[in-house]
Amino acid sequence: MNEDLGKERMKASESAPMPTKQKNDGKVRNQTTEVPKNRFPWTTIIVVIAFVVLIAIVVGVLQLGSS
């Protein structure tokens, strides 16, 4: 009952695109299938806000320089 909905249990060697030397024991976890997909994109929001602030500063400096 430990399996979460929407997550597929795979061995490490089954999900690798190339043959690996990884052993298929219980210690190895497949990170691509274990990561939840509903993470909120905080990084994107912060980068967009920083970009808008940078553009506002540049426009403000250009306005002061032209007057």
PDB file of N, CA and C in Angstrom:
ATOM      1  N   MET A   1       0.804  -1.197   0.000  1.00  0.00           N
ATOM      2  CA  MET A   1       0.000   0.000   0.000  1.00  0.00           C
ATOM      3  C   MET A   1       0.849   1.264   0.000  1.00  0.00           C
ATOM      4  N   ASN A   2       2.151   1.140  -0.170  1.00  0.00           N
ATOM      5  CA  ASN A   2       3.020   2.310  -0.172  1.00  0.00           C
ATOM      6  C   ASN A   2       3.084   2.994  -1.527  1.00  0.00           C
ATOM      7  N   GLU A   3       2.515   2.371  -2.562  1.00  0.00           N
ATOM      8  CA  GLU A   3       2.618   2.952  -3.899  1.00  0.00           C
ATOM      9  C   GLU A   3       1.665   4.127  -4.040  1.00  0.00           C
ATOM     10  N   ASP A   4       2.162   5.223  -4.586  1.00  0.00           N
ATOM     11  CA  ASP A   4       1.338   6.399  -4.821  1.00  0.00           C
ATOM     12  C   ASP A   4       0.683   6.294  -6.181  1.00  0.00           C
ATOM     13  N   LEU A   5      -0.471   6.914  -6.302  1.00  0.00           N
ATOM     14  CA  LEU A   5      -1.167   6.901  -7.581  1.00  0.00           C
ATOM     15  C   LEU A   5      -0.395   7.726  -8.601  1.00  0.00           C
ATOM     16  N   GLY A   6      -0.326   7.259  -9.827  1.00  0.00           N
ATOM     17  CA  GLY A   6       0.353   7.983 -10.890  1.00  0.00           C
ATOM     18  C   GLY A   6       1.847   7.785 -10.932  1.00  0.00           C
ATOM     19  N   LYS A   7       2.392   6.981 -10.046  1.00  0.00           N
ATOM     20  CA  LYS A   7       3.829   6.717 -10.052  1.00  0.00           C
ATOM     21  C   LYS A   7       4.055   5.274 -10.438  1.00  0.00           C
ATOM     22  N   GLU A   8       4.957   5.069 -11.339  1.00  0.00           N
ATOM     23  CA  GLU A   8       5.245   3.728 -11.818  1.00  0.00           C
ATOM     24  C   GLU A   8       6.532   3.233 -11.168  1.00  0.00           C
ATOM     25  N   ARG A   9       6.495   2.016 -10.647  1.00  0.00           N
ATOM     26  CA  ARG A   9       7.685   1.424 -10.043  1.00  0.00           C
ATOM     27  C   ARG A   9       8.492   0.740 -11.133  1.00  0.00           C
ATOM     28  N   MET A  10       9.723   1.196 -11.327  1.00  0.00           N
ATOM     29  CA  MET A  10      10.595   0.603 -12.334  1.00  0.00           C
ATOM     30  C   MET A  10      11.949   0.328 -11.708  1.00  0.00           C
ATOM     31  N   LYS A  11      12.615  -0.668 -12.226  1.00  0.00           N
ATOM     32  CA  LYS A  11      13.993  -0.907 -11.820  1.00  0.00           C
ATOM     33  C   LYS A  11      14.872   0.151 -12.474  1.00  0.00           C
ATOM     34  N   ALA A  12      16.014   0.412 -11.880  1.00  0.00           N
ATOM     35  CA  ALA A  12      16.900   1.447 -12.412  1.00  0.00           C
ATOM     36  C   ALA A  12      17.358   1.111 -13.825  1.00  0.00           C
ATOM     37  N   SER A  13      17.623  -0.158 -14.100  1.00  0.00           N
ATOM     38  CA  SER A  13      18.114  -0.540 -15.425  1.00  0.00           C
ATOM     39  C   SER A  13      17.008  -0.516 -16.471  1.00  0.00           C
ATOM     40  N   GLU A  14      15.746  -0.598 -16.069  1.00  0.00           N
ATOM     41  CA  GLU A  14      14.648  -0.598 -17.036  1.00  0.00           C
ATOM     42  C   GLU A  14      14.386   0.783 -17.615  1.00  0.00           C
ATOM     43  N   SER A  15      14.675   1.828 -16.870  1.00  0.00           N
ATOM     44  CA  SER A  15      14.369   3.171 -17.341  1.00  0.00           C
ATOM     45  C   SER A  15      15.574   3.868 -17.962  1.00  0.00           C
ATOM     46  N   ALA A  16      16.729   3.241 -17.927  1.00  0.00           N
ATOM     47  CA  ALA A  16      17.936   3.867 -18.466  1.00  0.00           C
ATOM     48  C   ALA A  16      17.972   3.723 -19.986  1.00  0.00           C
ATOM     49  N   PRO A  17      18.322   4.792 -20.719  1.00  0.00           N
ATOM     50  CA  PRO A  17      18.393   4.699 -22.173  1.00  0.00           C
ATOM     51  C   PRO A  17      19.567   3.851 -22.660  1.00  0.00           C
ATOM     52  N   MET A  18      20.600   3.741 -21.846  1.00  0.00           N
ATOM     53  CA  MET A  18      21.775   2.948 -22.190  1.00  0.00           C
ATOM     54  C   MET A  18      21.969   1.898 -21.106  1.00  0.00           C
ATOM     55  N   PRO A  19      22.648   0.816 -21.422  1.00  0.00           N
ATOM     56  CA  PRO A  19      22.916  -0.177 -20.378  1.00  0.00           C
ATOM     57  C   PRO A  19      23.739   0.436 -19.241  1.00  0.00           C
ATOM     58  N   THR A  20      23.379   0.117 -18.015  1.00  0.00           N
ATOM     59  CA  THR A  20      24.089   0.667 -16.862  1.00  0.00           C
ATOM     60  C   THR A  20      24.702  -0.453 -16.044  1.00  0.00           C
ATOM     61  N   LYS A  21      25.606  -0.079 -15.157  1.00  0.00           N
ATOM     62  CA  LYS A  21      26.212  -1.042 -14.244  1.00  0.00           C
ATOM     63  C   LYS A  21      25.463  -1.056 -12.911  1.00  0.00           C
ATOM     64  N   GLN A  22      24.327  -0.385 -12.886  1.00  0.00           N
ATOM     65  CA  GLN A  22      23.540  -0.275 -11.660  1.00  0.00           C
ATOM     66  C   GLN A  22      22.908  -1.615 -11.312  1.00  0.00           C
ATOM     67  N   LYS A  23      22.933  -1.948 -10.039  1.00  0.00           N
ATOM     68  CA  LYS A  23      22.301  -3.185  -9.592  1.00  0.00           C
ATOM     69  C   LYS A  23      20.823  -2.924  -9.328  1.00  0.00           C
ATOM     70  N   ASN A  24      20.006  -3.924  -9.579  1.00  0.00           N
ATOM     71  CA  ASN A  24      18.570  -3.780  -9.394  1.00  0.00           C
ATOM     72  C   ASN A  24      18.155  -4.182  -7.981  1.00  0.00           C
ATOM     73  N   ASP A  25      18.790  -3.588  -6.991  1.00  0.00           N
ATOM     74  CA  ASP A  25      18.373  -3.892  -5.626  1.00  0.00           C
ATOM     75  C   ASP A  25      17.434  -2.792  -5.130  1.00  0.00           C
ATOM     76  N   GLY A  26      16.913  -2.939  -3.951  1.00  0.00           N
ATOM     77  CA  GLY A  26      15.931  -1.995  -3.434  1.00  0.00           C
ATOM     78  C   GLY A  26      16.482  -0.642  -3.064  1.00  0.00           C
ATOM     79  N   LYS A  27      17.798  -0.475  -3.030  1.00  0.00           N
ATOM     80  CA  LYS A  27      18.403   0.796  -2.625  1.00  0.00           C
ATOM     81  C   LYS A  27      18.377   1.832  -3.745  1.00  0.00           C
ATOM     82  N   VAL A  28      18.302   1.376  -4.975  1.00  0.00           N
ATOM     83  CA  VAL A  28      18.351   2.284  -6.121  1.00  0.00           C
ATOM     84  C   VAL A  28      16.933   2.728  -6.447  1.00  0.00           C
ATOM     85  N   ARG A  29      16.749   4.034  -6.577  1.00  0.00           N
ATOM     86  CA  ARG A  29      15.430   4.568  -6.905  1.00  0.00           C
ATOM     87  C   ARG A  29      15.510   5.310  -8.229  1.00  0.00           C
ATOM     88  N   ASN A  30      14.473   5.203  -9.010  1.00  0.00           N
ATOM     89  CA  ASN A  30      14.397   5.888 -10.286  1.00  0.00           C
ATOM     90  C   ASN A  30      13.836   7.288 -10.040  1.00  0.00           C
ATOM     91  N   GLN A  31      14.664   8.313 -10.197  1.00  0.00           N
ATOM     92  CA  GLN A  31      14.231   9.665  -9.862  1.00  0.00           C
ATOM     93  C   GLN A  31      13.233  10.230 -10.857  1.00  0.00           C
ATOM     94  N   THR A  32      13.233   9.762 -12.095  1.00  0.00           N
ATOM     95  CA  THR A  32      12.297  10.309 -13.076  1.00  0.00           C
ATOM     96  C   THR A  32      10.875   9.870 -12.797  1.00  0.00           C
ATOM     97  N   THR A  33      10.682   8.711 -12.213  1.00  0.00           N
ATOM     98  CA  THR A  33       9.323   8.254 -11.921  1.00  0.00           C
ATOM     99  C   THR A  33       8.930   8.499 -10.476  1.00  0.00           C
ATOM    100  N   GLU A  34       9.859   8.886  -9.619  1.00  0.00           N
ATOM    101  CA  GLU A  34       9.569   9.111  -8.206  1.00  0.00           C
ATOM    102  C   GLU A  34       9.249  10.574  -7.897  1.00  0.00           C
ATOM    103  N   VAL A  35       9.540  11.485  -8.825  1.00  0.00           N
ATOM    104  CA  VAL A  35       9.353  12.913  -8.568  1.00  0.00           C
ATOM    105  C   VAL A  35       7.893  13.281  -8.813  1.00  0.00           C
ATOM    106  N   PRO A  36       7.242  13.966  -7.884  1.00  0.00           N
ATOM    107  CA  PRO A  36       5.860  14.392  -8.132  1.00  0.00           C
ATOM    108  C   PRO A  36       5.822  15.444  -9.230  1.00  0.00           C
ATOM    109  N   LYS A  37       4.767  15.431 -10.029  1.00  0.00           N
ATOM    110  CA  LYS A  37       4.695  16.321 -11.188  1.00  0.00           C
ATOM    111  C   LYS A  37       3.936  17.610 -10.903  1.00  0.00           C
ATOM    112  N   ASN A  38       3.422  17.799  -9.708  1.00  0.00           N
ATOM    113  CA  ASN A  38       2.611  18.974  -9.431  1.00  0.00           C
ATOM    114  C   ASN A  38       3.367  20.017  -8.617  1.00  0.00           C
ATOM    115  N   ARG A  39       4.623  20.252  -8.949  1.00  0.00           N
ATOM    116  CA  ARG A  39       5.397  21.272  -8.242  1.00  0.00           C
ATOM    117  C   ARG A  39       5.065  22.648  -8.799  1.00  0.00           C
ATOM    118  N   PHE A  40       4.946  23.641  -7.925  1.00  0.00           N
ATOM    119  CA  PHE A  40       4.633  24.996  -8.356  1.00  0.00           C
ATOM    120  C   PHE A  40       5.893  25.657  -8.916  1.00  0.00           C
ATOM    121  N   PRO A  41       5.809  26.344 -10.056  1.00  0.00           N
ATOM    122  CA  PRO A  41       7.009  26.899 -10.726  1.00  0.00           C
ATOM    123  C   PRO A  41       7.504  28.206 -10.111  1.00  0.00           C
ATOM    124  N   TRP A  42       7.984  28.153  -8.874  1.00  0.00           N
ATOM    125  CA  TRP A  42       8.474  29.358  -8.210  1.00  0.00           C
ATOM    126  C   TRP A  42       9.648  29.978  -8.945  1.00  0.00           C
ATOM    127  N   THR A  43      10.531  29.166  -9.483  1.00  0.00           N
ATOM    128  CA  THR A  43      11.718  29.699 -10.166  1.00  0.00           C
ATOM    129  C   THR A  43      11.315  30.537 -11.372  1.00  0.00           C
ATOM    130  N   THR A  44      10.366  30.051 -12.151  1.00  0.00           N
ATOM    131  CA  THR A  44       9.919  30.790 -13.332  1.00  0.00           C
ATOM    132  C   THR A  44       9.293  32.118 -12.930  1.00  0.00           C
ATOM    133  N   ILE A  45       8.483  32.113 -11.900  1.00  0.00           N
ATOM    134  CA  ILE A  45       7.832  33.344 -11.448  1.00  0.00           C
ATOM    135  C   ILE A  45       8.870  34.355 -10.967  1.00  0.00           C
ATOM    136  N   ILE A  46       9.855  33.919 -10.216  1.00  0.00           N
ATOM    137  CA  ILE A  46      10.901  34.818  -9.709  1.00  0.00           C
ATOM    138  C   ILE A  46      11.722  35.393 -10.853  1.00  0.00           C
ATOM    139  N   VAL A  47      12.054  34.571 -11.846  1.00  0.00           N
ATOM    140  CA  VAL A  47      12.841  35.048 -12.992  1.00  0.00           C
ATOM    141  C   VAL A  47      12.049  36.073 -13.793  1.00  0.00           C
ATOM    142  N   VAL A  48      10.766  35.832 -14.004  1.00  0.00           N
ATOM    143  CA  VAL A  48       9.940  36.784 -14.764  1.00  0.00           C
ATOM    144  C   VAL A  48       9.827  38.108 -14.009  1.00  0.00           C
ATOM    145  N   ILE A  49       9.616  38.054 -12.702  1.00  0.00           N
ATOM    146  CA  ILE A  49       9.532  39.292 -11.913  1.00  0.00           C
ATOM    147  C   ILE A  49      10.857  40.052 -11.954  1.00  0.00           C
ATOM    148  N   ALA A  50      11.973  39.354 -11.833  1.00  0.00           N
ATOM    149  CA  ALA A  50      13.285  40.000 -11.899  1.00  0.00           C
ATOM    150  C   ALA A  50      13.510  40.643 -13.265  1.00  0.00           C
ATOM    151  N   PHE A  51      13.062  39.980 -14.319  1.00  0.00           N
ATOM    152  CA  PHE A  51      13.210  40.526 -15.672  1.00  0.00           C
ATOM    153  C   PHE A  51      12.374  41.798 -15.833  1.00  0.00           C
ATOM    154  N   VAL A  52      11.155  41.793 -15.318  1.00  0.00           N
ATOM    155  CA  VAL A  52      10.293  42.981 -15.402  1.00  0.00           C
ATOM    156  C   VAL A  52      10.901  44.133 -14.607  1.00  0.00           C
ATOM    157  N   VAL A  53      11.447  43.852 -13.428  1.00  0.00           N
ATOM    158  CA  VAL A  53      12.092  44.895 -12.620  1.00  0.00           C
ATOM    159  C   VAL A  53      13.308  45.456 -13.353  1.00  0.00           C
ATOM    160  N   LEU A  54      14.095  44.602 -13.979  1.00  0.00           N
ATOM    161  CA  LEU A  54      15.266  45.056 -14.730  1.00  0.00           C
ATOM    162  C   LEU A  54      14.856  45.966 -15.885  1.00  0.00           C
ATOM    163  N   ILE A  55      13.821  45.588 -16.609  1.00  0.00           N
ATOM    164  CA  ILE A  55      13.351  46.425 -17.720  1.00  0.00           C
ATOM    165  C   ILE A  55      12.839  47.762 -17.189  1.00  0.00           C
ATOM    166  N   ALA A  56      12.129  47.752 -16.054  1.00  0.00           N
ATOM    167  CA  ALA A  56      11.630  48.999 -15.471  1.00  0.00           C
ATOM    168  C   ALA A  56      12.782  49.915 -15.064  1.00  0.00           C
ATOM    169  N   ILE A  57      13.840  49.355 -14.516  1.00  0.00           N
ATOM    170  CA  ILE A  57      15.007  50.160 -14.128  1.00  0.00           C
ATOM    171  C   ILE A  57      15.675  50.761 -15.361  1.00  0.00           C
ATOM    172  N   VAL A  58      15.834  49.971 -16.411  1.00  0.00           N
ATOM    173  CA  VAL A  58      16.471  50.470 -17.639  1.00  0.00           C
ATOM    174  C   VAL A  58      15.632  51.579 -18.255  1.00  0.00           C
ATOM    175  N   VAL A  59      14.319  51.389 -18.320  1.00  0.00           N
ATOM    176  CA  VAL A  59      13.445  52.422 -18.885  1.00  0.00           C
ATOM    177  C   VAL A  59      13.493  53.679 -18.017  1.00  0.00           C
ATOM    178  N   GLY A  60      13.515  53.523 -16.701  1.00  0.00           N
ATOM    179  CA  GLY A  60      13.606  54.682 -15.808  1.00  0.00           C
ATOM    180  C   GLY A  60      14.897  55.452 -15.991  1.00  0.00           C
ATOM    181  N   VAL A  61      16.000  54.750 -16.146  1.00  0.00           N
ATOM    182  CA  VAL A  61      17.294  55.411 -16.363  1.00  0.00           C
ATOM    183  C   VAL A  61      17.297  56.133 -17.708  1.00  0.00           C
ATOM    184  N   LEU A  62      16.725  55.520 -18.728  1.00  0.00           N
ATOM    185  CA  LEU A  62      16.666  56.178 -20.034  1.00  0.00           C
ATOM    186  C   LEU A  62      15.768  57.412 -19.998  1.00  0.00           C
ATOM    187  N   GLN A  63      14.689  57.363 -19.230  1.00  0.00           N
ATOM    188  CA  GLN A  63      13.808  58.529 -19.100  1.00  0.00           C
ATOM    189  C   GLN A  63      14.532  59.684 -18.399  1.00  0.00           C
ATOM    190  N   LEU A  64      15.296  59.370 -17.360  1.00  0.00           N
ATOM    191  CA  LEU A  64      16.040  60.413 -16.651  1.00  0.00           C
ATOM    192  C   LEU A  64      17.154  60.987 -17.522  1.00  0.00           C
ATOM    193  N   GLY A  65      17.771  60.142 -18.316  1.00  0.00           N
ATOM    194  CA  GLY A  65      18.868  60.600 -19.160  1.00  0.00           C
ATOM    195  C   GLY A  65      18.407  61.470 -20.311  1.00  0.00           C
ATOM    196  N   SER A  66      17.188  61.272 -20.785  1.00  0.00           N
ATOM    197  CA  SER A  66      16.714  62.040 -21.932  1.00  0.00           C
ATOM    198  C   SER A  66      16.086  63.366 -21.519  1.00  0.00           C
ATOM    199  N   SER A  67      15.845  63.586 -20.241  1.00  0.00           N
ATOM    200  CA  SER A  67      15.212  64.849 -19.823  1.00  0.00           C
ATOM    201  C   SER A  67      16.227  65.914 -19.479  1.00  0.00           C
TER     202      SER A  67
END
